[in-house]
Amino acid sequence: MVVGGELHADQEAILLSRQSKQENLWGINLYPGLSEQDWIEFDSMINIRPRLNNRSRGIENEKMREDIIALVTKLVKR
């Protein structure tokens, strides 16, 4: 997980250079001051992946969103 930076694509490049797999990388925005339901936003250009059946800037797979929420909640202390 990479936090900060100008663009999600920049963070993605860092993770790819460290041998992360493209299909495991997703872009989110964090707003720690917001409510439990609203502090993670699934909106990034790097999420547009037609070959993985994700055709929007969001993350269309509900299970994937739930997994990301669980991981980010574990790693980020608000």
PDB file of N, CA and C in Angstrom:
ATOM      1  N   MET A   1       0.848  -1.173   0.000  1.00  0.00           N
ATOM      2  CA  MET A   1       0.000   0.000   0.000  1.00  0.00           C
ATOM      3  C   MET A   1       0.893   1.235   0.000  1.00  0.00           C
ATOM      4  N   VAL A   2       0.522   2.195  -0.834  1.00  0.00           N
ATOM      5  CA  VAL A   2       1.225   3.472  -0.904  1.00  0.00           C
ATOM      6  C   VAL A   2       0.205   4.553  -0.576  1.00  0.00           C
ATOM      7  N   VAL A   3       0.590   5.486   0.289  1.00  0.00           N
ATOM      8  CA  VAL A   3      -0.294   6.588   0.668  1.00  0.00           C
ATOM      9  C   VAL A   3       0.407   7.896   0.327  1.00  0.00           C
ATOM     10  N   GLY A   4      -0.355   8.830  -0.204  1.00  0.00           N
ATOM     11  CA  GLY A   4       0.203  10.127  -0.560  1.00  0.00           C
ATOM     12  C   GLY A   4       0.538  10.170  -2.038  1.00  0.00           C
ATOM     13  N   GLY A   5       1.125  11.253  -2.456  1.00  0.00           N
ATOM     14  CA  GLY A   5       1.512  11.377  -3.856  1.00  0.00           C
ATOM     15  C   GLY A   5       0.519  12.202  -4.640  1.00  0.00           C
ATOM     16  N   GLU A   6       0.950  12.580  -5.815  1.00  0.00           N
ATOM     17  CA  GLU A   6       0.134  13.436  -6.673  1.00  0.00           C
ATOM     18  C   GLU A   6      -0.962  12.658  -7.394  1.00  0.00           C
ATOM     19  N   LEU A   7      -0.579  11.568  -8.067  1.00  0.00           N
ATOM     20  CA  LEU A   7      -1.532  10.796  -8.863  1.00  0.00           C
ATOM     21  C   LEU A   7      -1.479   9.315  -8.481  1.00  0.00           C
ATOM     22  N   HIS A   8      -2.611   8.642  -8.598  1.00  0.00           N
ATOM     23  CA  HIS A   8      -2.630   7.199  -8.349  1.00  0.00           C
ATOM     24  C   HIS A   8      -1.668   6.469  -9.283  1.00  0.00           C
ATOM     25  N   ALA A   9      -1.525   6.955 -10.500  1.00  0.00           N
ATOM     26  CA  ALA A   9      -0.618   6.317 -11.462  1.00  0.00           C
ATOM     27  C   ALA A   9       0.828   6.363 -10.972  1.00  0.00           C
ATOM     28  N   ASP A  10       1.213   7.423 -10.263  1.00  0.00           N
ATOM     29  CA  ASP A  10       2.564   7.509  -9.704  1.00  0.00           C
ATOM     30  C   ASP A  10       2.770   6.446  -8.630  1.00  0.00           C
ATOM     31  N   GLN A  11       1.777   6.296  -7.781  1.00  0.00           N
ATOM     32  CA  GLN A  11       1.854   5.288  -6.718  1.00  0.00           C
ATOM     33  C   GLN A  11       1.847   3.881  -7.310  1.00  0.00           C
ATOM     34  N   GLU A  12       1.040   3.706  -8.341  1.00  0.00           N
ATOM     35  CA  GLU A  12       0.973   2.422  -9.031  1.00  0.00           C
ATOM     36  C   GLU A  12       2.351   2.054  -9.594  1.00  0.00           C
ATOM     37  N   ALA A  13       3.040   3.028 -10.181  1.00  0.00           N
ATOM     38  CA  ALA A  13       4.368   2.779 -10.751  1.00  0.00           C
ATOM     39  C   ALA A  13       5.357   2.340  -9.674  1.00  0.00           C
ATOM     40  N   ILE A  14       5.272   2.939  -8.504  1.00  0.00           N
ATOM     41  CA  ILE A  14       6.144   2.542  -7.389  1.00  0.00           C
ATOM     42  C   ILE A  14       5.909   1.081  -7.035  1.00  0.00           C
ATOM     43  N   LEU A  15       4.644   0.719  -6.873  1.00  0.00           N
ATOM     44  CA  LEU A  15       4.323  -0.663  -6.492  1.00  0.00           C
ATOM     45  C   LEU A  15       4.708  -1.659  -7.582  1.00  0.00           C
ATOM     46  N   LEU A  16       4.504  -1.300  -8.838  1.00  0.00           N
ATOM     47  CA  LEU A  16       4.894  -2.189  -9.939  1.00  0.00           C
ATOM     48  C   LEU A  16       6.411  -2.382  -9.974  1.00  0.00           C
ATOM     49  N   SER A  17       7.161  -1.330  -9.658  1.00  0.00           N
ATOM     50  CA  SER A  17       8.624  -1.436  -9.643  1.00  0.00           C
ATOM     51  C   SER A  17       9.102  -2.339  -8.510  1.00  0.00           C
ATOM     52  N   ARG A  18       8.235  -2.568  -7.532  1.00  0.00           N
ATOM     53  CA  ARG A  18       8.559  -3.443  -6.399  1.00  0.00           C
ATOM     54  C   ARG A  18       7.910  -4.820  -6.553  1.00  0.00           C
ATOM     55  N   GLN A  19       7.610  -5.171  -7.789  1.00  0.00           N
ATOM     56  CA  GLN A  19       7.107  -6.499  -8.155  1.00  0.00           C
ATOM     57  C   GLN A  19       5.643  -6.767  -7.792  1.00  0.00           C
ATOM     58  N   SER A  20       4.865  -5.737  -7.480  1.00  0.00           N
ATOM     59  CA  SER A  20       3.428  -5.944  -7.274  1.00  0.00           C
ATOM     60  C   SER A  20       2.800  -6.317  -8.610  1.00  0.00           C
ATOM     61  N   LYS A  21       1.723  -7.061  -8.566  1.00  0.00           N
ATOM     62  CA  LYS A  21       1.017  -7.458  -9.786  1.00  0.00           C
ATOM     63  C   LYS A  21      -0.072  -6.438 -10.091  1.00  0.00           C
ATOM     64  N   GLN A  22      -0.146  -6.037 -11.347  1.00  0.00           N
ATOM     65  CA  GLN A  22      -1.120  -5.038 -11.796  1.00  0.00           C
ATOM     66  C   GLN A  22      -2.539  -5.371 -11.351  1.00  0.00           C
ATOM     67  N   GLU A  23      -2.938  -6.635 -11.480  1.00  0.00           N
ATOM     68  CA  GLU A  23      -4.317  -7.009 -11.156  1.00  0.00           C
ATOM     69  C   GLU A  23      -4.633  -6.878  -9.667  1.00  0.00           C
ATOM     70  N   ASN A  24      -3.610  -6.704  -8.828  1.00  0.00           N
ATOM     71  CA  ASN A  24      -3.820  -6.536  -7.387  1.00  0.00           C
ATOM     72  C   ASN A  24      -3.803  -5.080  -6.944  1.00  0.00           C
ATOM     73  N   LEU A  25      -3.608  -4.161  -7.877  1.00  0.00           N
ATOM     74  CA  LEU A  25      -3.507  -2.742  -7.531  1.00  0.00           C
ATOM     75  C   LEU A  25      -4.790  -2.006  -7.873  1.00  0.00           C
ATOM     76  N   TRP A  26      -5.310  -1.276  -6.878  1.00  0.00           N
ATOM     77  CA  TRP A  26      -6.535  -0.509  -7.065  1.00  0.00           C
ATOM     78  C   TRP A  26      -6.344   0.872  -6.446  1.00  0.00           C
ATOM     79  N   GLY A  27      -6.966   1.870  -7.055  1.00  0.00           N
ATOM     80  CA  GLY A  27      -6.848   3.234  -6.565  1.00  0.00           C
ATOM     81  C   GLY A  27      -8.039   3.626  -5.705  1.00  0.00           C
ATOM     82  N   ILE A  28      -7.731   4.196  -4.550  1.00  0.00           N
ATOM     83  CA  ILE A  28      -8.773   4.703  -3.644  1.00  0.00           C
ATOM     84  C   ILE A  28      -8.317   6.056  -3.106  1.00  0.00           C
ATOM     85  N   ASN A  29      -9.246   6.783  -2.520  1.00  0.00           N
ATOM     86  CA  ASN A  29      -8.950   8.032  -1.828  1.00  0.00           C
ATOM     87  C   ASN A  29      -9.370   7.861  -0.379  1.00  0.00           C
ATOM     88  N   LEU A  30      -8.557   8.404   0.532  1.00  0.00           N
ATOM     89  CA  LEU A  30      -8.840   8.297   1.959  1.00  0.00           C
ATOM     90  C   LEU A  30      -9.166   9.669   2.531  1.00  0.00           C
ATOM     91  N   TYR A  31     -10.235   9.717   3.312  1.00  0.00           N
ATOM     92  CA  TYR A  31     -10.666  10.936   3.992  1.00  0.00           C
ATOM     93  C   TYR A  31     -10.884  10.599   5.460  1.00  0.00           C
ATOM     94  N   PRO A  32      -9.796  10.552   6.262  1.00  0.00           N
ATOM     95  CA  PRO A  32      -9.884  10.086   7.650  1.00  0.00           C
ATOM     96  C   PRO A  32     -10.844  10.873   8.530  1.00  0.00           C
ATOM     97  N   GLY A  33     -11.154  12.113   8.170  1.00  0.00           N
ATOM     98  CA  GLY A  33     -12.051  12.931   8.979  1.00  0.00           C
ATOM     99  C   GLY A  33     -13.531  12.631   8.767  1.00  0.00           C
ATOM    100  N   LEU A  34     -13.836  11.819   7.762  1.00  0.00           N
ATOM    101  CA  LEU A  34     -15.236  11.502   7.463  1.00  0.00           C
ATOM    102  C   LEU A  34     -15.711  10.285   8.247  1.00  0.00           C
ATOM    103  N   SER A  35     -16.987  10.014   8.151  1.00  0.00           N
ATOM    104  CA  SER A  35     -17.603   8.902   8.876  1.00  0.00           C
ATOM    105  C   SER A  35     -17.059   7.555   8.405  1.00  0.00           C
ATOM    106  N   GLU A  36     -17.315   6.531   9.180  1.00  0.00           N
ATOM    107  CA  GLU A  36     -16.877   5.160   8.880  1.00  0.00           C
ATOM    108  C   GLU A  36     -17.305   4.726   7.480  1.00  0.00           C
ATOM    109  N   GLN A  37     -18.481   5.122   7.052  1.00  0.00           N
ATOM    110  CA  GLN A  37     -19.014   4.733   5.743  1.00  0.00           C
ATOM    111  C   GLN A  37     -18.406   5.518   4.586  1.00  0.00           C
ATOM    112  N   ASP A  38     -17.916   6.726   4.871  1.00  0.00           N
ATOM    113  CA  ASP A  38     -17.517   7.633   3.800  1.00  0.00           C
ATOM    114  C   ASP A  38     -16.015   7.882   3.678  1.00  0.00           C
ATOM    115  N   TRP A  39     -15.195   7.360   4.568  1.00  0.00           N
ATOM    116  CA  TRP A  39     -13.789   7.752   4.573  1.00  0.00           C
ATOM    117  C   TRP A  39     -12.960   7.096   3.467  1.00  0.00           C
ATOM    118  N   ILE A  40     -13.457   6.017   2.859  1.00  0.00           N
ATOM    119  CA  ILE A  40     -12.778   5.397   1.727  1.00  0.00           C
ATOM    120  C   ILE A  40     -13.619   5.610   0.472  1.00  0.00           C
ATOM    121  N   GLU A  41     -13.009   6.239  -0.531  1.00  0.00           N
ATOM    122  CA  GLU A  41     -13.693   6.504  -1.799  1.00  0.00           C
ATOM    123  C   GLU A  41     -13.018   5.675  -2.893  1.00  0.00           C
ATOM    124  N   PHE A  42     -13.820   4.938  -3.627  1.00  0.00           N
ATOM    125  CA  PHE A  42     -13.318   4.103  -4.717  1.00  0.00           C
ATOM    126  C   PHE A  42     -13.471   4.855  -6.032  1.00  0.00           C
ATOM    127  N   ASP A  43     -12.477   5.687  -6.349  1.00  0.00           N
ATOM    128  CA  ASP A  43     -12.552   6.513  -7.553  1.00  0.00           C
ATOM    129  C   ASP A  43     -11.143   6.777  -8.061  1.00  0.00           C
ATOM    130  N   SER A  44     -10.763   6.122  -9.150  1.00  0.00           N
ATOM    131  CA  SER A  44      -9.434   6.322  -9.703  1.00  0.00           C
ATOM    132  C   SER A  44      -9.396   5.876 -11.158  1.00  0.00           C
ATOM    133  N   MET A  45      -8.645   6.597 -11.959  1.00  0.00           N
ATOM    134  CA  MET A  45      -8.470   6.224 -13.365  1.00  0.00           C
ATOM    135  C   MET A  45      -7.794   4.861 -13.495  1.00  0.00           C
ATOM    136  N   ILE A  46      -6.923   4.501 -12.541  1.00  0.00           N
ATOM    137  CA  ILE A  46      -6.227   3.209 -12.662  1.00  0.00           C
ATOM    138  C   ILE A  46      -7.172   2.028 -12.469  1.00  0.00           C
ATOM    139  N   ASN A  47      -8.384   2.310 -11.997  1.00  0.00           N
ATOM    140  CA  ASN A  47      -9.363   1.233 -11.794  1.00  0.00           C
ATOM    141  C   ASN A  47     -10.086   0.827 -13.077  1.00  0.00           C
ATOM    142  N   ILE A  48      -9.959   1.615 -14.121  1.00  0.00           N
ATOM    143  CA  ILE A  48     -10.620   1.271 -15.386  1.00  0.00           C
ATOM    144  C   ILE A  48      -9.836   0.128 -16.028  1.00  0.00           C
ATOM    145  N   ARG A  49     -10.417  -1.073 -15.978  1.00  0.00           N
ATOM    146  CA  ARG A  49      -9.742  -2.273 -16.466  1.00  0.00           C
ATOM    147  C   ARG A  49     -10.737  -3.193 -17.163  1.00  0.00           C
ATOM    148  N   PRO A  50     -11.044  -2.901 -18.394  1.00  0.00           N
ATOM    149  CA  PRO A  50     -12.014  -3.731 -19.117  1.00  0.00           C
ATOM    150  C   PRO A  50     -11.642  -5.218 -19.145  1.00  0.00           C
ATOM    151  N   ARG A  51     -10.344  -5.533 -19.216  1.00  0.00           N
ATOM    152  CA  ARG A  51      -9.941  -6.944 -19.263  1.00  0.00           C
ATOM    153  C   ARG A  51     -10.265  -7.687 -17.962  1.00  0.00           C
ATOM    154  N   LEU A  52     -10.470  -6.942 -16.871  1.00  0.00           N
ATOM    155  CA  LEU A  52     -10.869  -7.534 -15.593  1.00  0.00           C
ATOM    156  C   LEU A  52     -12.347  -7.249 -15.291  1.00  0.00           C
ATOM    157  N   ASN A  53     -13.090  -6.864 -16.320  1.00  0.00           N
ATOM    158  CA  ASN A  53     -14.516  -6.543 -16.194  1.00  0.00           C
ATOM    159  C   ASN A  53     -14.793  -5.386 -15.242  1.00  0.00           C
ATOM    160  N   ASN A  54     -13.870  -4.462 -15.140  1.00  0.00           N
ATOM    161  CA  ASN A  54     -14.090  -3.255 -14.343  1.00  0.00           C
ATOM    162  C   ASN A  54     -14.014  -2.078 -15.306  1.00  0.00           C
ATOM    163  N   ARG A  55     -15.173  -1.556 -15.699  1.00  0.00           N
ATOM    164  CA  ARG A  55     -15.240  -0.545 -16.747  1.00  0.00           C
ATOM    165  C   ARG A  55     -15.466   0.866 -16.219  1.00  0.00           C
ATOM    166  N   SER A  56     -15.295   1.061 -14.922  1.00  0.00           N
ATOM    167  CA  SER A  56     -15.504   2.391 -14.348  1.00  0.00           C
ATOM    168  C   SER A  56     -14.311   2.785 -13.479  1.00  0.00           C
ATOM    169  N   ARG A  57     -14.328   4.023 -13.024  1.00  0.00           N
ATOM    170  CA  ARG A  57     -13.290   4.507 -12.113  1.00  0.00           C
ATOM    171  C   ARG A  57     -13.470   3.931 -10.718  1.00  0.00           C
ATOM    172  N   GLY A  58     -14.638   3.357 -10.444  1.00  0.00           N
ATOM    173  CA  GLY A  58     -14.884   2.715  -9.162  1.00  0.00           C
ATOM    174  C   GLY A  58     -14.395   1.275  -9.184  1.00  0.00           C
ATOM    175  N   ILE A  59     -14.706   0.552  -8.145  1.00  0.00           N
ATOM    176  CA  ILE A  59     -14.407  -0.881  -8.105  1.00  0.00           C
ATOM    177  C   ILE A  59     -15.751  -1.584  -8.075  1.00  0.00           C
ATOM    178  N   GLU A  60     -16.096  -2.212  -9.178  1.00  0.00           N
ATOM    179  CA  GLU A  60     -17.437  -2.758  -9.363  1.00  0.00           C
ATOM    180  C   GLU A  60     -17.687  -4.045  -8.584  1.00  0.00           C
ATOM    181  N   ASN A  61     -16.638  -4.780  -8.252  1.00  0.00           N
ATOM    182  CA  ASN A  61     -16.776  -6.041  -7.532  1.00  0.00           C
ATOM    183  C   ASN A  61     -16.956  -5.769  -6.034  1.00  0.00           C
ATOM    184  N   GLU A  62     -18.135  -6.092  -5.516  1.00  0.00           N
ATOM    185  CA  GLU A  62     -18.454  -5.802  -4.121  1.00  0.00           C
ATOM    186  C   GLU A  62     -17.505  -6.502  -3.155  1.00  0.00           C
ATOM    187  N   LYS A  63     -17.166  -7.751  -3.427  1.00  0.00           N
ATOM    188  CA  LYS A  63     -16.247  -8.507  -2.559  1.00  0.00           C
ATOM    189  C   LYS A  63     -14.886  -7.826  -2.530  1.00  0.00           C
ATOM    190  N   MET A  64     -14.414  -7.360  -3.669  1.00  0.00           N
ATOM    191  CA  MET A  64     -13.130  -6.655  -3.739  1.00  0.00           C
ATOM    192  C   MET A  64     -13.178  -5.383  -2.900  1.00  0.00           C
ATOM    193  N   ARG A  65     -14.269  -4.622  -2.994  1.00  0.00           N
ATOM    194  CA  ARG A  65     -14.407  -3.409  -2.173  1.00  0.00           C
ATOM    195  C   ARG A  65     -14.371  -3.753  -0.693  1.00  0.00           C
ATOM    196  N   GLU A  66     -15.085  -4.812  -0.306  1.00  0.00           N
ATOM    197  CA  GLU A  66     -15.096  -5.230   1.102  1.00  0.00           C
ATOM    198  C   GLU A  66     -13.706  -5.632   1.567  1.00  0.00           C
ATOM    199  N   ASP A  67     -12.969  -6.357   0.735  1.00  0.00           N
ATOM    200  CA  ASP A  67     -11.606  -6.765   1.081  1.00  0.00           C
ATOM    201  C   ASP A  67     -10.690  -5.553   1.244  1.00  0.00           C
ATOM    202  N   ILE A  68     -10.842  -4.582   0.357  1.00  0.00           N
ATOM    203  CA  ILE A  68     -10.021  -3.369   0.432  1.00  0.00           C
ATOM    204  C   ILE A  68     -10.353  -2.589   1.695  1.00  0.00           C
ATOM    205  N   ILE A  69     -11.628  -2.450   2.016  1.00  0.00           N
ATOM    206  CA  ILE A  69     -12.026  -1.746   3.235  1.00  0.00           C
ATOM    207  C   ILE A  69     -11.419  -2.418   4.448  1.00  0.00           C
ATOM    208  N   ALA A  70     -11.485  -3.729   4.515  1.00  0.00           N
ATOM    209  CA  ALA A  70     -10.935  -4.468   5.659  1.00  0.00           C
ATOM    210  C   ALA A  70      -9.426  -4.246   5.779  1.00  0.00           C
ATOM    211  N   LEU A  71      -8.710  -4.330   4.662  1.00  0.00           N
ATOM    212  CA  LEU A  71      -7.257  -4.159   4.682  1.00  0.00           C
ATOM    213  C   LEU A  71      -6.869  -2.735   5.062  1.00  0.00           C
ATOM    214  N   VAL A  72      -7.494  -1.755   4.431  1.00  0.00           N
ATOM    215  CA  VAL A  72      -7.145  -0.352   4.705  1.00  0.00           C
ATOM    216  C   VAL A  72      -7.500   0.008   6.147  1.00  0.00           C
ATOM    217  N   THR A  73      -8.613  -0.463   6.647  1.00  0.00           N
ATOM    218  CA  THR A  73      -9.001  -0.199   8.029  1.00  0.00           C
ATOM    219  C   THR A  73      -7.974  -0.780   8.992  1.00  0.00           C
ATOM    220  N   LYS A  74      -7.423  -1.914   8.639  1.00  0.00           N
ATOM    221  CA  LYS A  74      -6.400  -2.556   9.476  1.00  0.00           C
ATOM    222  C   LYS A  74      -5.082  -1.772   9.441  1.00  0.00           C
ATOM    223  N   LEU A  75      -4.720  -1.255   8.282  1.00  0.00           N
ATOM    224  CA  LEU A  75      -3.421  -0.593   8.120  1.00  0.00           C
ATOM    225  C   LEU A  75      -3.406   0.876   8.492  1.00  0.00           C
ATOM    226  N   VAL A  76      -4.544   1.558   8.361  1.00  0.00           N
ATOM    227  CA  VAL A  76      -4.591   3.005   8.583  1.00  0.00           C
ATOM    228  C   VAL A  76      -5.322   3.303   9.883  1.00  0.00           C
ATOM    229  N   LYS A  77      -4.613   3.945  10.786  1.00  0.00           N
ATOM    230  CA  LYS A  77      -5.218   4.361  12.063  1.00  0.00           C
ATOM    231  C   LYS A  77      -5.738   5.777  11.907  1.00  0.00           C
ATOM    232  N   ARG A  78      -7.044   5.960  12.191  1.00  0.00           N
ATOM    233  CA  ARG A  78      -7.644   7.283  12.034  1.00  0.00           C
ATOM    234  C   ARG A  78      -7.798   7.950  13.375  1.00  0.00           C
TER     235      ARG A  78
END
